[in-house]
Amino acid sequence: MPVTPALTLIILMAGVVAGAFGATLGLGGGIFLVPFLNLVIGLPITVAAAISLTTVIATSSSVSAARAGQRLINLRLGMSLEVATAAGSLAGGITAQLLSEDTIRRLFAVMMAIIALLMLRTLNQRNTFAGTSVDPGLLGGRYDDPQAGGLVTYRVKRFPLALVASFVAGNVSSLLGLGGGVVKVPVLNAWCGIPLRAAAATSAFMIGVTATAGAIIYYGNGQLVPALAAAAVLGVQAGSWLGLRIGERASNKSLKLFMAGVMLIVAVIMAMRGKG
């Protein structure tokens, strides 16, 4: 497909929407961008994944810089999980070269549906304790929560499960062009005791490293279109600013509902296309 000014502008605007999704939910934006580039624009899914991974890196940089002073990013936990995530990302980039587009679409759809149902199951779950009376442990943390009216504390549970989820997230990141947050954020929130905002911020910090590992594979195979990737990155940077403002004002419950709804819609669209 030739790179035209019209196509570049469309991808720029799609990047704005993807950036808003990624910054608000800590997912990296690929959950929107990959289906759009593949189903609407008509790019091969591996090319769409390669472009998406470059925007994930941009989203990670923007969100991490904005959240650095809010104590939402758990650096110790993030770096502990990143080893497993990077290993999964390298494996996913290689696997993507061996599977058909229909198979990848079906995997995408199944993954989205499972994670959406998980988010709905934990809609009213809270993982924080008010004040500083609770010891956060080695990997837990504290941050200021406006909805709770002050400082809250959380502890990390089931760390081995978090490691397994991080490896799977890395694999999904490269295979489907996502940031890995689509797996990590729900699992960390539902089963590992990490509040949604802290899980999203920590995931946003991690996904840049994850996406870089996978993007190298796609670039080496000639599947990254630099001009289109640049347009998407510029759009994502603008959208990230908007997403950060939305995320600061929205409640945890509304964020989970929004995330689950988007995932289910995308899952249905990708599953129907995968049958073609």
Protein backbone atom coordinates (compact mmCIF):
# COMPACT_ATOMS: atom_id res chain seq x y z
CA MET A 1 0.00 0.00 0.00
CA PRO A 2 1.49 3.39 -1.02
CA VAL A 3 2.08 5.98 1.69
CA THR A 4 -0.07 9.01 0.82
CA PRO A 5 -0.73 12.27 2.72
CA ALA A 6 -4.34 11.18 3.31
CA LEU A 7 -3.28 7.84 4.75
CA THR A 8 -0.69 9.53 6.95
CA LEU A 9 -3.31 11.96 8.31
CA ILE A 10 -5.76 9.14 9.05
CA ILE A 11 -3.11 7.21 10.97
CA LEU A 12 -2.14 10.40 12.83
CA MET A 13 -5.73 10.81 14.05
CA ALA A 14 -5.95 7.12 14.91
CA GLY A 15 -2.81 7.61 16.98
CA VAL A 16 -4.55 10.36 18.97
CA VAL A 17 -7.35 7.96 19.93
CA ALA A 18 -4.89 5.14 20.65
CA GLY A 19 -2.80 7.44 22.85
CA ALA A 20 -5.85 8.46 24.86
CA PHE A 21 -6.76 4.79 25.41
CA GLY A 22 -3.21 3.85 26.31
CA ALA A 23 -2.64 6.65 28.81
CA THR A 24 -6.03 6.29 30.49
CA LEU A 25 -5.96 2.52 30.93
CA GLY A 26 -2.25 1.68 30.88
CA LEU A 27 -2.73 -0.62 27.87
CA GLY A 28 -0.47 1.06 25.35
CA GLY A 29 -3.16 1.90 22.79
CA GLY A 30 -2.51 -1.13 20.59
CA ILE A 31 -5.89 -2.58 21.55
CA PHE A 32 -7.44 0.10 19.32
CA LEU A 33 -4.69 0.75 16.79
CA VAL A 34 -4.03 -2.83 15.62
CA PRO A 35 -7.67 -3.61 14.67
CA PHE A 36 -8.03 -0.18 13.04
CA LEU A 37 -4.89 -0.51 10.91
CA ASN A 38 -5.71 -4.10 9.96
CA LEU A 39 -9.49 -4.03 9.48
CA VAL A 40 -10.13 -0.45 8.36
CA ILE A 41 -6.91 0.61 6.62
CA GLY A 42 -6.17 -2.89 5.29
CA LEU A 43 -2.56 -3.20 6.41
CA PRO A 44 -1.25 -6.73 7.06
CA ILE A 45 -1.58 -7.52 10.75
CA THR A 46 2.18 -7.91 11.17
CA VAL A 47 2.71 -4.41 9.72
CA ALA A 48 -0.06 -3.07 11.98
CA ALA A 49 1.60 -4.73 14.97
CA ALA A 50 4.98 -3.22 14.10
CA ILE A 51 3.52 0.32 13.87
CA SER A 52 1.56 -0.22 17.08
CA LEU A 53 4.67 -1.27 19.00
CA THR A 54 6.40 2.00 18.10
CA THR A 55 3.43 3.94 19.50
CA VAL A 56 3.54 1.83 22.65
CA ILE A 57 7.09 3.04 23.24
CA ALA A 58 5.90 6.65 22.85
CA THR A 59 2.95 6.12 25.20
CA SER A 60 5.21 4.60 27.82
CA SER A 61 7.55 7.59 27.72
CA SER A 62 4.72 10.12 28.02
CA VAL A 63 2.84 8.38 30.82
CA SER A 64 5.96 7.53 32.82
CA ALA A 65 7.12 11.14 32.71
CA ALA A 66 3.71 12.40 33.82
CA ARG A 67 3.28 9.87 36.64
CA ALA A 68 6.84 10.03 37.98
CA GLY A 69 6.00 12.51 40.75
CA GLN A 70 2.73 10.87 41.85
CA ARG A 71 4.21 7.68 43.37
CA LEU A 72 1.86 5.56 41.24
CA ILE A 73 4.71 3.81 39.40
CA ASN A 74 6.07 0.92 41.46
CA LEU A 75 9.63 0.83 40.15
CA ARG A 76 10.75 -2.15 42.23
CA LEU A 77 7.83 -4.30 41.11
CA GLY A 78 8.08 -3.10 37.52
CA MET A 79 11.75 -3.95 37.13
CA SER A 80 11.21 -7.34 38.80
CA LEU A 81 8.51 -8.25 36.29
CA GLU A 82 10.23 -6.75 33.26
CA VAL A 83 12.74 -9.60 33.01
CA ALA A 84 9.94 -12.10 32.36
CA THR A 85 8.10 -9.64 30.10
CA ALA A 86 11.12 -8.96 27.87
CA ALA A 87 11.76 -12.70 27.48
CA GLY A 88 8.14 -13.24 26.44
CA SER A 89 8.34 -10.32 24.02
CA LEU A 90 11.32 -11.76 22.16
CA ALA A 91 9.55 -15.13 21.92
CA GLY A 92 6.36 -13.47 20.62
CA GLY A 93 8.18 -11.54 17.92
CA ILE A 94 9.59 -14.80 16.57
CA THR A 95 6.26 -16.66 16.85
CA ALA A 96 4.46 -13.92 14.90
CA GLN A 97 6.51 -14.80 11.82
CA LEU A 98 5.26 -18.42 11.93
CA LEU A 99 1.47 -17.96 12.33
CA SER A 100 -1.16 -17.01 9.75
CA GLU A 101 -3.08 -13.72 9.97
CA ASP A 102 -6.37 -15.50 10.72
CA THR A 103 -4.75 -17.41 13.59
CA ILE A 104 -3.35 -14.20 15.06
CA ARG A 105 -6.75 -12.49 14.77
CA ARG A 106 -8.46 -15.35 16.61
CA LEU A 107 -5.84 -15.27 19.36
CA PHE A 108 -6.41 -11.54 19.66
CA ALA A 109 -10.18 -12.00 19.97
CA VAL A 110 -9.95 -14.76 22.59
CA MET A 111 -7.46 -12.78 24.68
CA MET A 112 -9.64 -9.65 24.62
CA ALA A 113 -12.78 -11.54 25.66
CA ILE A 114 -11.08 -13.31 28.58
CA ILE A 115 -9.54 -10.12 29.95
CA ALA A 116 -12.83 -8.20 29.56
CA LEU A 117 -14.72 -10.79 31.59
CA LEU A 118 -12.00 -10.68 34.24
CA MET A 119 -12.37 -6.91 34.52
CA LEU A 120 -16.14 -7.19 34.96
CA ARG A 121 -15.69 -9.85 37.63
CA THR A 122 -13.56 -7.50 39.75
CA LEU A 123 -15.64 -4.37 39.14
CA ASN A 124 -16.08 -3.45 42.83
CA GLN A 125 -12.82 -4.87 44.13
CA ARG A 126 -10.54 -2.50 46.07
CA ASN A 127 -6.95 -3.37 46.96
CA THR A 128 -5.93 -0.42 49.11
CA PHE A 129 -5.77 0.31 52.82
CA ALA A 130 -6.21 3.87 54.07
CA GLY A 131 -3.24 5.47 55.78
CA THR A 132 0.19 4.04 56.54
CA SER A 133 -0.66 1.56 59.30
CA VAL A 134 -0.31 -1.42 56.91
CA ASP A 135 3.20 -2.55 55.94
CA PRO A 136 3.41 -2.60 52.11
CA GLY A 137 6.03 -5.36 52.19
CA LEU A 138 8.98 -5.73 49.85
CA LEU A 139 7.13 -5.05 46.58
CA GLY A 140 4.07 -3.08 47.71
CA GLY A 141 3.69 0.67 47.78
CA ARG A 142 1.84 3.82 48.81
CA TYR A 143 0.39 6.69 46.81
CA ASP A 144 -2.00 9.63 47.21
CA ASP A 145 -5.53 8.68 46.16
CA PRO A 146 -7.89 11.66 45.77
CA GLN A 147 -10.91 9.34 45.87
CA ALA A 148 -9.82 7.93 49.24
CA GLY A 149 -8.96 11.37 50.56
CA GLY A 150 -5.29 10.79 51.23
CA LEU A 151 -2.46 8.28 51.34
CA VAL A 152 -3.30 4.61 50.67
CA THR A 153 -1.20 1.45 50.97
CA TYR A 154 -1.27 -1.82 49.03
CA ARG A 155 0.56 -5.15 49.24
CA VAL A 156 1.59 -7.44 46.36
CA LYS A 157 0.12 -10.96 46.47
CA ARG A 158 0.83 -14.05 44.34
CA PHE A 159 4.09 -12.72 42.89
CA PRO A 160 4.83 -15.99 40.95
CA LEU A 161 1.51 -15.52 39.13
CA ALA A 162 2.56 -11.96 38.30
CA LEU A 163 5.77 -13.33 36.75
CA VAL A 164 3.85 -15.84 34.60
CA ALA A 165 1.39 -13.14 33.54
CA SER A 166 4.30 -10.87 32.62
CA PHE A 167 5.83 -13.52 30.35
CA VAL A 168 2.46 -14.05 28.66
CA ALA A 169 2.03 -10.28 28.38
CA GLY A 170 5.39 -9.95 26.67
CA ASN A 171 4.49 -12.70 24.23
CA VAL A 172 1.11 -11.12 23.48
CA SER A 173 2.80 -7.74 23.10
CA SER A 174 4.97 -8.86 20.21
CA LEU A 175 2.53 -11.33 18.70
CA LEU A 176 -0.42 -8.92 18.54
CA GLY A 177 1.26 -5.51 18.61
CA LEU A 178 -0.03 -4.60 22.06
CA GLY A 179 1.90 -3.17 24.97
CA GLY A 180 1.38 -6.15 27.26
CA GLY A 181 -0.64 -4.01 29.66
CA VAL A 182 -3.80 -5.62 28.32
CA VAL A 183 -2.75 -8.75 30.24
CA LYS A 184 -0.74 -7.28 33.10
CA VAL A 185 -3.13 -4.60 34.30
CA PRO A 186 -6.18 -6.89 34.82
CA VAL A 187 -4.12 -9.72 36.36
CA LEU A 188 -2.19 -7.43 38.71
CA ASN A 189 -5.42 -5.78 39.77
CA ALA A 190 -7.64 -8.87 40.09
CA TRP A 191 -5.25 -11.42 41.62
CA CYS A 192 -2.09 -9.70 42.80
CA GLY A 193 -3.56 -7.03 45.07
CA ILE A 194 -2.45 -3.96 43.10
CA PRO A 195 -4.91 -1.05 42.71
CA LEU A 196 -5.99 -0.29 39.15
CA ARG A 197 -4.28 3.12 39.02
CA ALA A 198 -0.97 1.79 40.33
CA ALA A 199 -1.19 -1.26 38.04
CA ALA A 200 -1.88 0.96 35.01
CA ALA A 201 0.96 3.38 35.82
CA THR A 202 3.47 0.59 36.50
CA SER A 203 2.39 -1.20 33.31
CA ALA A 204 2.81 2.01 31.30
CA PHE A 205 6.36 2.27 32.63
CA MET A 206 7.11 -1.34 31.65
CA ILE A 207 5.50 -1.50 28.21
CA GLY A 208 8.13 0.72 26.59
CA VAL A 209 10.86 -1.83 27.28
CA THR A 210 8.57 -4.69 26.28
CA ALA A 211 7.58 -3.10 22.98
CA THR A 212 11.18 -2.27 22.09
CA ALA A 213 12.19 -5.92 22.36
CA GLY A 214 9.39 -6.99 19.99
CA ALA A 215 9.75 -4.08 17.57
CA ILE A 216 13.34 -5.09 16.85
CA ILE A 217 12.08 -8.39 15.40
CA TYR A 218 9.55 -6.69 13.11
CA TYR A 219 12.08 -4.08 11.98
CA GLY A 220 14.58 -6.80 11.13
CA ASN A 221 11.96 -8.48 8.95
CA GLY A 222 11.16 -5.26 7.06
CA GLN A 223 7.60 -4.99 8.40
CA LEU A 224 7.91 -1.52 9.96
CA VAL A 225 6.88 1.41 7.71
CA PRO A 226 8.80 4.40 9.14
CA ALA A 227 6.57 7.15 7.71
CA LEU A 228 3.36 5.61 9.03
CA ALA A 229 4.97 4.77 12.36
CA ALA A 230 6.11 8.40 12.74
CA ALA A 231 2.58 9.68 12.09
CA ALA A 232 1.12 7.25 14.61
CA VAL A 233 3.69 8.24 17.25
CA LEU A 234 2.91 11.96 16.84
CA GLY A 235 -0.79 11.23 17.27
CA VAL A 236 -0.16 9.06 20.31
CA GLN A 237 1.82 11.80 22.03
CA ALA A 238 -1.12 14.20 21.67
CA GLY A 239 -3.64 11.55 22.72
CA SER A 240 -1.59 10.59 25.78
CA TRP A 241 -1.98 14.09 27.19
CA LEU A 242 -5.75 13.82 26.82
CA GLY A 243 -5.82 10.33 28.33
CA LEU A 244 -3.88 11.42 31.41
CA ARG A 245 -6.43 14.17 32.10
CA ILE A 246 -9.31 11.68 31.76
CA GLY A 247 -7.63 9.09 33.98
CA GLU A 248 -7.15 11.58 36.81
CA ARG A 249 -10.87 12.35 36.97
CA ALA A 250 -12.49 8.97 36.28
CA SER A 251 -13.37 6.47 39.02
CA ASN A 252 -11.88 2.98 39.17
CA LYS A 253 -15.28 1.42 38.41
CA SER A 254 -15.88 3.57 35.34
CA LEU A 255 -12.37 2.83 34.05
CA LYS A 256 -12.96 -0.91 34.41
CA LEU A 257 -16.33 -0.72 32.66
CA PHE A 258 -14.83 1.31 29.85
CA MET A 259 -11.89 -1.08 29.48
CA ALA A 260 -14.13 -4.17 29.43
CA GLY A 261 -16.54 -2.65 26.91
CA VAL A 262 -13.77 -1.70 24.49
CA MET A 263 -12.19 -5.14 24.76
CA LEU A 264 -15.45 -7.00 24.09
CA ILE A 265 -16.22 -4.88 21.02
CA VAL A 266 -12.73 -5.41 19.62
CA ALA A 267 -12.92 -9.16 20.38
CA VAL A 268 -16.16 -9.55 18.40
CA ILE A 269 -14.83 -7.58 15.42
CA MET A 270 -11.56 -9.52 15.27
CA ALA A 271 -13.30 -12.89 15.72
CA MET A 272 -15.69 -12.17 12.84
CA ARG A 273 -12.84 -11.08 10.59
CA GLY A 274 -10.84 -14.15 11.60
CA LYS A 275 -13.54 -16.40 10.11
CA GLY A 276 -13.06 -14.85 6.67
